[in-house]
Amino acid sequence: MNRSRYLVVLFLALAPLRALAANTEPDASTSPSAPPVDVLMHEFAKSPGLFARFHDEKQIALLTLPIVSDGTIHFTPKKGLARHTLKPTKQSVHLSGTTLTFWDGKKAESVSLKSSPALRAFADAFGMLLGADRAGLEKNFELVFDGDPKKTWRLRLVPKLADLGKILKEIDVRGDGVTVTTLTVREASGDASTSTFSEVNPKKVYTEAELNSIFKAPPGGP
């Protein structure tokens, strides 16, 4: 599992995880005069759960055609994040706490996020973003926001940390209101991964049966 894939998975997983852990009491982000990026962060923090379908295209400099995959992502505060690739081969990722478990269709392995300071910094940054901690976020990233947080918008995160900059050039997130529509991870190497999301439900409530079957790598029975 390469660094780019880790970055994409961390965004999808830690964004809702950290948002739900944040204080969602009314604050300055609800004020009509609040900066647009603060309004967006405040809205993200209200999300109780998530379902979406994804279409990924990874552009690698040495390849003419992109590497393409399709699948689903699922989130709930009780079980964390599950990402299941359905095509071209079945793979699964499950994030619970600081442990990321990856199943490649044959075997599963777990990785602690604590083992990589750069990846941990990335994870903390999204927690700050969705927890409305703009000051903390700007210690590690430059924020470039365009658009209307209630309509269509674009948010670019450009690393300030040297170690993170060795891996990542920028994260380019685009959305419509609370719905993230695309996520592009541009690596320092020149490679790029773009995830396009559809059927996004930021208010998904999972049944007990779904919790027990979906939130694992690989997914399935009890």
Protein backbone atom coordinates (compact mmCIF):
# COMPACT_ATOMS: atom_id res chain seq x y z
CA MET A 1 0.00 0.00 0.00
CA ASN A 2 1.82 3.17 -1.18
CA ARG A 3 2.02 6.60 0.41
CA SER A 4 -0.53 8.15 -1.93
CA ARG A 5 -3.11 5.51 -1.03
CA TYR A 6 -2.45 6.14 2.68
CA LEU A 7 -3.09 9.86 2.17
CA VAL A 8 -6.38 9.32 0.35
CA VAL A 9 -7.59 6.81 2.95
CA LEU A 10 -6.57 9.09 5.82
CA PHE A 11 -8.58 11.97 4.39
CA LEU A 12 -11.70 9.90 3.95
CA ALA A 13 -11.41 8.29 7.35
CA LEU A 14 -10.13 10.95 9.66
CA ALA A 15 -12.24 13.80 8.35
CA PRO A 16 -15.52 12.49 9.79
CA LEU A 17 -13.82 10.83 12.77
CA ARG A 18 -12.25 14.04 14.00
CA ALA A 19 -15.26 16.14 13.07
CA LEU A 20 -17.56 14.13 15.30
CA ALA A 21 -15.08 14.38 18.14
CA ALA A 22 -15.06 18.15 17.83
CA ASN A 23 -17.18 20.63 19.74
CA THR A 24 -20.19 21.38 17.55
CA GLU A 25 -21.76 24.03 19.77
CA PRO A 26 -22.64 27.28 17.92
CA ASP A 27 -19.60 29.50 17.48
CA ALA A 28 -18.21 32.24 15.28
CA SER A 29 -18.41 29.99 12.23
CA THR A 30 -22.19 30.45 12.19
CA SER A 31 -21.91 34.24 12.01
CA PRO A 32 -22.80 35.86 8.67
CA SER A 33 -19.44 37.62 8.77
CA ALA A 34 -17.38 34.44 9.43
CA PRO A 35 -14.65 33.58 6.87
CA PRO A 36 -15.94 31.07 4.27
CA VAL A 37 -13.49 28.34 5.30
CA ASP A 38 -14.75 28.55 8.91
CA VAL A 39 -18.35 28.19 7.73
CA LEU A 40 -17.37 25.06 5.78
CA MET A 41 -15.57 23.50 8.74
CA HIS A 42 -18.54 24.14 11.01
CA GLU A 43 -20.90 22.43 8.56
CA PHE A 44 -18.59 19.40 8.21
CA ALA A 45 -18.60 18.97 11.99
CA LYS A 46 -22.34 18.21 11.97
CA SER A 47 -22.05 15.02 9.88
CA PRO A 48 -23.25 11.92 11.84
CA GLY A 49 -22.17 9.28 9.30
CA LEU A 50 -21.22 8.76 5.68
CA PHE A 51 -21.84 6.58 2.65
CA ALA A 52 -20.49 7.23 -0.85
CA ARG A 53 -19.39 5.50 -4.00
CA PHE A 54 -15.95 6.39 -5.33
CA HIS A 55 -14.19 6.27 -8.67
CA ASP A 56 -10.40 6.58 -8.39
CA GLU A 57 -7.92 7.42 -11.11
CA LYS A 58 -4.22 7.42 -10.30
CA GLN A 59 -1.91 9.07 -12.79
CA ILE A 60 1.65 7.71 -12.66
CA ALA A 61 4.35 9.43 -14.69
CA LEU A 62 5.71 6.18 -16.17
CA LEU A 63 2.29 4.93 -17.30
CA THR A 64 0.27 6.19 -20.27
CA LEU A 65 -3.13 5.24 -18.84
CA PRO A 66 -4.35 5.87 -15.29
CA ILE A 67 -4.90 3.09 -12.75
CA VAL A 68 -8.66 2.99 -12.18
CA SER A 69 -10.70 1.53 -9.30
CA ASP A 70 -14.28 1.72 -8.03
CA GLY A 71 -15.96 0.96 -4.72
CA THR A 72 -17.70 2.31 -1.65
CA ILE A 73 -16.77 4.12 1.55
CA HIS A 74 -18.62 3.95 4.86
CA PHE A 75 -18.25 5.83 8.13
CA THR A 76 -19.80 5.75 11.57
CA PRO A 77 -18.33 6.97 14.88
CA LYS A 78 -19.02 3.56 16.42
CA LYS A 79 -16.98 1.55 13.91
CA GLY A 80 -14.74 4.07 12.16
CA LEU A 81 -14.11 4.09 8.40
CA ALA A 82 -14.37 1.24 5.90
CA ARG A 83 -13.38 1.57 2.26
CA HIS A 84 -14.13 -1.35 -0.04
CA THR A 85 -12.73 -1.50 -3.56
CA LEU A 86 -14.99 -3.63 -5.79
CA LYS A 87 -13.29 -3.26 -9.20
CA PRO A 88 -10.95 -4.23 -10.79
CA THR A 89 -10.06 -6.43 -7.76
CA LYS A 90 -11.54 -6.62 -4.30
CA GLN A 91 -9.61 -4.80 -1.56
CA SER A 92 -10.63 -3.30 1.77
CA VAL A 93 -9.35 -0.75 4.24
CA HIS A 94 -10.63 -0.30 7.78
CA LEU A 95 -9.49 2.50 10.08
CA SER A 96 -10.23 2.29 13.78
CA GLY A 97 -8.48 4.70 16.13
CA THR A 98 -4.86 5.00 14.98
CA THR A 99 -4.71 1.55 13.35
CA LEU A 100 -5.20 1.10 9.61
CA THR A 101 -5.97 -2.44 8.38
CA PHE A 102 -5.55 -3.24 4.69
CA TRP A 103 -6.82 -6.40 2.95
CA ASP A 104 -5.48 -7.04 -0.55
CA GLY A 105 -7.93 -9.80 -1.43
CA LYS A 106 -5.74 -12.52 0.08
CA LYS A 107 -4.33 -11.36 3.39
CA ALA A 108 -4.72 -8.48 5.81
CA GLU A 109 -2.06 -6.34 7.47
CA SER A 110 -2.30 -3.56 10.04
CA VAL A 111 -0.24 -0.37 10.24
CA SER A 112 0.01 2.08 13.12
CA LEU A 113 -0.23 5.72 12.07
CA LYS A 114 2.15 6.51 14.92
CA SER A 115 4.99 4.97 12.91
CA SER A 116 5.07 7.87 10.42
CA PRO A 117 5.28 11.45 11.76
CA ALA A 118 4.42 12.87 8.32
CA LEU A 119 1.26 10.80 7.94
CA ARG A 120 0.28 11.57 11.54
CA ALA A 121 0.72 15.29 10.84
CA PHE A 122 -1.54 14.87 7.81
CA ALA A 123 -4.18 13.14 9.94
CA ASP A 124 -4.03 15.80 12.65
CA ALA A 125 -4.39 18.51 10.02
CA PHE A 126 -7.73 17.18 8.83
CA GLY A 127 -8.86 16.84 12.40
CA MET A 128 -8.12 20.52 12.86
CA LEU A 129 -9.88 21.36 9.60
CA LEU A 130 -13.11 19.61 10.49
CA GLY A 131 -12.85 20.54 14.16
CA ALA A 132 -12.81 24.23 13.13
CA ASP A 133 -9.26 24.74 14.45
CA ARG A 134 -8.09 27.04 11.70
CA ALA A 135 -5.13 28.38 13.72
CA GLY A 136 -3.81 24.88 14.36
CA LEU A 137 -4.28 23.88 10.73
CA GLU A 138 -2.41 26.90 9.44
CA LYS A 139 0.67 25.91 11.45
CA ASN A 140 1.19 23.02 9.03
CA PHE A 141 -0.72 23.99 5.86
CA GLU A 142 -1.45 27.00 3.77
CA LEU A 143 -5.21 27.17 3.11
CA VAL A 144 -6.39 28.45 -0.26
CA PHE A 145 -10.20 28.64 -0.43
CA ASP A 146 -12.38 29.63 -3.39
CA GLY A 147 -16.15 29.64 -3.80
CA ASP A 148 -19.18 29.56 -1.52
CA PRO A 149 -19.21 27.08 1.43
CA LYS A 150 -22.99 26.76 1.06
CA LYS A 151 -22.71 26.02 -2.68
CA THR A 152 -19.70 24.98 -4.78
CA TRP A 153 -16.21 25.44 -3.36
CA ARG A 154 -12.57 24.44 -3.63
CA LEU A 155 -10.07 24.11 -0.79
CA ARG A 156 -6.35 23.54 -1.42
CA LEU A 157 -4.06 22.43 1.42
CA VAL A 158 -0.40 23.13 0.75
CA PRO A 159 2.08 21.62 3.26
CA LYS A 160 4.36 23.85 5.30
CA LEU A 161 6.10 20.95 7.09
CA ALA A 162 9.29 19.86 5.35
CA ASP A 163 8.74 16.13 6.00
CA LEU A 164 5.20 16.23 4.67
CA GLY A 165 6.35 18.28 1.69
CA LYS A 166 8.67 15.44 0.72
CA ILE A 167 5.61 13.24 0.18
CA LEU A 168 2.87 15.66 -0.73
CA LYS A 169 2.61 18.68 -3.01
CA GLU A 170 -1.00 19.54 -2.17
CA ILE A 171 -4.48 18.24 -1.40
CA ASP A 172 -7.19 19.67 -3.67
CA VAL A 173 -10.69 19.18 -2.25
CA ARG A 174 -13.84 20.27 -4.10
CA GLY A 175 -17.43 20.10 -2.98
CA ASP A 176 -20.98 21.34 -2.99
CA GLY A 177 -22.15 22.35 0.46
CA VAL A 178 -21.33 19.53 2.90
CA THR A 179 -20.84 17.06 0.03
CA VAL A 180 -17.25 16.44 -1.07
CA THR A 181 -17.36 15.75 -4.81
CA THR A 182 -13.67 15.23 -5.67
CA LEU A 183 -10.39 14.78 -3.82
CA THR A 184 -7.06 15.06 -5.61
CA VAL A 185 -3.79 14.13 -3.91
CA ARG A 186 -0.81 15.54 -5.78
CA GLU A 187 2.42 13.93 -4.68
CA ALA A 188 5.84 15.54 -4.63
CA SER A 189 6.94 12.88 -7.16
CA GLY A 190 4.51 14.27 -9.75
CA ASP A 191 2.02 11.40 -9.47
CA ALA A 192 -1.59 12.25 -8.66
CA SER A 193 -4.69 10.42 -7.43
CA THR A 194 -8.21 11.75 -7.98
CA SER A 195 -11.26 10.33 -6.23
CA THR A 196 -14.69 11.30 -7.59
CA PHE A 197 -17.63 10.64 -5.26
CA SER A 198 -21.26 9.87 -6.10
CA GLU A 199 -24.41 8.91 -4.19
CA VAL A 200 -22.93 10.76 -1.22
CA ASN A 201 -25.00 10.57 1.96
CA PRO A 202 -23.40 12.59 4.80
CA LYS A 203 -26.28 11.67 7.15
CA LYS A 204 -26.13 7.89 6.81
CA VAL A 205 -27.34 5.82 9.79
CA TYR A 206 -26.22 2.17 9.70
CA THR A 207 -28.18 -0.77 11.09
CA GLU A 208 -26.56 -3.12 13.60
CA ALA A 209 -26.27 -5.79 10.90
CA GLU A 210 -24.51 -3.33 8.58
CA LEU A 211 -22.14 -2.26 11.35
CA ASN A 212 -21.11 -5.86 11.94
CA SER A 213 -20.62 -6.80 8.29
CA ILE A 214 -19.30 -3.66 6.60
CA PHE A 215 -16.82 -2.26 9.09
CA LYS A 216 -14.02 -4.78 8.77
CA ALA A 217 -11.30 -5.77 6.31
CA PRO A 218 -12.35 -7.94 4.58
CA PRO A 219 -16.11 -7.34 4.91
CA GLY A 220 -18.52 -10.16 5.51
CA GLY A 221 -20.18 -12.40 8.10
CA PRO A 222 -19.87 -12.28 11.86
